[in-house]
Amino acid sequence: KVLVNMFGRDTPVELDSLQIKKL
């Protein structure tokens, strides 16, 4: 999994490959 900091959150959220492709 890859940690992505979404919407300026202090804590990164875990997203799987399929979710990342939707970004």
PDB file of N, CA and C in Angstrom:
ATOM      1  N   LYS A   1       0.845  -1.205   0.000  1.00  0.00           N
ATOM      2  CA  LYS A   1       0.000   0.000   0.000  1.00  0.00           C
ATOM      3  C   LYS A   1       0.878   1.252   0.000  1.00  0.00           C
ATOM      4  N   VAL A   2       0.307   2.326  -0.443  1.00  0.00           N
ATOM      5  CA  VAL A   2       1.054   3.580  -0.507  1.00  0.00           C
ATOM      6  C   VAL A   2       0.377   4.608   0.387  1.00  0.00           C
ATOM      7  N   LEU A   3       1.185   5.334   1.154  1.00  0.00           N
ATOM      8  CA  LEU A   3       0.612   6.366   2.023  1.00  0.00           C
ATOM      9  C   LEU A   3       0.480   7.667   1.243  1.00  0.00           C
ATOM     10  N   VAL A   4      -0.717   8.199   1.235  1.00  0.00           N
ATOM     11  CA  VAL A   4      -0.957   9.434   0.505  1.00  0.00           C
ATOM     12  C   VAL A   4      -1.566  10.463   1.448  1.00  0.00           C
ATOM     13  N   ASN A   5      -0.990  11.656   1.462  1.00  0.00           N
ATOM     14  CA  ASN A   5      -1.524  12.717   2.309  1.00  0.00           C
ATOM     15  C   ASN A   5      -2.613  13.434   1.527  1.00  0.00           C
ATOM     16  N   MET A   6      -3.878  13.156   1.868  1.00  0.00           N
ATOM     17  CA  MET A   6      -4.988  13.717   1.110  1.00  0.00           C
ATOM     18  C   MET A   6      -5.587  14.936   1.788  1.00  0.00           C
ATOM     19  N   PHE A   7      -5.920  15.926   0.974  1.00  0.00           N
ATOM     20  CA  PHE A   7      -6.626  17.117   1.459  1.00  0.00           C
ATOM     21  C   PHE A   7      -5.871  17.803   2.595  1.00  0.00           C
ATOM     22  N   GLY A   8      -4.540  17.705   2.586  1.00  0.00           N
ATOM     23  CA  GLY A   8      -3.737  18.416   3.576  1.00  0.00           C
ATOM     24  C   GLY A   8      -3.849  17.858   4.977  1.00  0.00           C
ATOM     25  N   ARG A   9      -4.261  16.596   5.081  1.00  0.00           N
ATOM     26  CA  ARG A   9      -4.358  15.988   6.407  1.00  0.00           C
ATOM     27  C   ARG A   9      -2.969  15.796   6.988  1.00  0.00           C
ATOM     28  N   ASP A  10      -2.866  15.903   8.312  1.00  0.00           N
ATOM     29  CA  ASP A  10      -1.585  15.685   8.969  1.00  0.00           C
ATOM     30  C   ASP A  10      -1.213  14.211   8.918  1.00  0.00           C
ATOM     31  N   THR A  11      -2.231  13.354   8.953  1.00  0.00           N
ATOM     32  CA  THR A  11      -1.980  11.912   8.942  1.00  0.00           C
ATOM     33  C   THR A  11      -2.295  11.323   7.575  1.00  0.00           C
ATOM     34  N   PRO A  12      -1.316  10.663   6.956  1.00  0.00           N
ATOM     35  CA  PRO A  12      -1.542  10.041   5.648  1.00  0.00           C
ATOM     36  C   PRO A  12      -2.562   8.923   5.748  1.00  0.00           C
ATOM     37  N   VAL A  13      -3.277   8.688   4.667  1.00  0.00           N
ATOM     38  CA  VAL A  13      -4.237   7.591   4.642  1.00  0.00           C
ATOM     39  C   VAL A  13      -3.733   6.518   3.696  1.00  0.00           C
ATOM     40  N   GLU A  14      -4.056   5.266   3.996  1.00  0.00           N
ATOM     41  CA  GLU A  14      -3.588   4.174   3.154  1.00  0.00           C
ATOM     42  C   GLU A  14      -4.546   3.937   1.997  1.00  0.00           C
ATOM     43  N   LEU A  15      -4.001   3.920   0.810  1.00  0.00           N
ATOM     44  CA  LEU A  15      -4.821   3.652  -0.363  1.00  0.00           C
ATOM     45  C   LEU A  15      -4.197   2.511  -1.146  1.00  0.00           C
ATOM     46  N   ASP A  16      -5.039   1.632  -1.660  1.00  0.00           N
ATOM     47  CA  ASP A  16      -4.482   0.563  -2.479  1.00  0.00           C
ATOM     48  C   ASP A  16      -4.337   1.047  -3.921  1.00  0.00           C
ATOM     49  N   SER A  17      -3.753   0.214  -4.750  1.00  0.00           N
ATOM     50  CA  SER A  17      -3.443   0.594  -6.129  1.00  0.00           C
ATOM     51  C   SER A  17      -4.673   1.082  -6.880  1.00  0.00           C
ATOM     52  N   LEU A  18      -5.795   0.387  -6.720  1.00  0.00           N
ATOM     53  CA  LEU A  18      -7.002   0.757  -7.457  1.00  0.00           C
ATOM     54  C   LEU A  18      -7.507   2.120  -7.032  1.00  0.00           C
ATOM     55  N   GLN A  19      -7.424   2.406  -5.739  1.00  0.00           N
ATOM     56  CA  GLN A  19      -7.903   3.701  -5.249  1.00  0.00           C
ATOM     57  C   GLN A  19      -7.008   4.827  -5.755  1.00  0.00           C
ATOM     58  N   ILE A  20      -5.708   4.579  -5.802  1.00  0.00           N
ATOM     59  CA  ILE A  20      -4.767   5.604  -6.254  1.00  0.00           C
ATOM     60  C   ILE A  20      -5.029   5.950  -7.720  1.00  0.00           C
ATOM     61  N   LYS A  21      -5.387   4.937  -8.525  1.00  0.00           N
ATOM     62  CA  LYS A  21      -5.649   5.183  -9.942  1.00  0.00           C
ATOM     63  C   LYS A  21      -6.848   6.101 -10.136  1.00  0.00           C
ATOM     64  N   LYS A  22      -7.745   6.140  -9.142  1.00  0.00           N
ATOM     65  CA  LYS A  22      -8.945   6.971  -9.258  1.00  0.00           C
ATOM     66  C   LYS A  22      -8.659   8.427  -8.917  1.00  0.00           C
ATOM     67  N   LEU A  23      -7.529   8.694  -8.309  1.00  0.00           N
ATOM     68  CA  LEU A  23      -7.218  10.061  -7.894  1.00  0.00           C
ATOM     69  C   LEU A  23      -6.897  10.935  -9.099  1.00  0.00           C
TER      70      LEU A  23
END
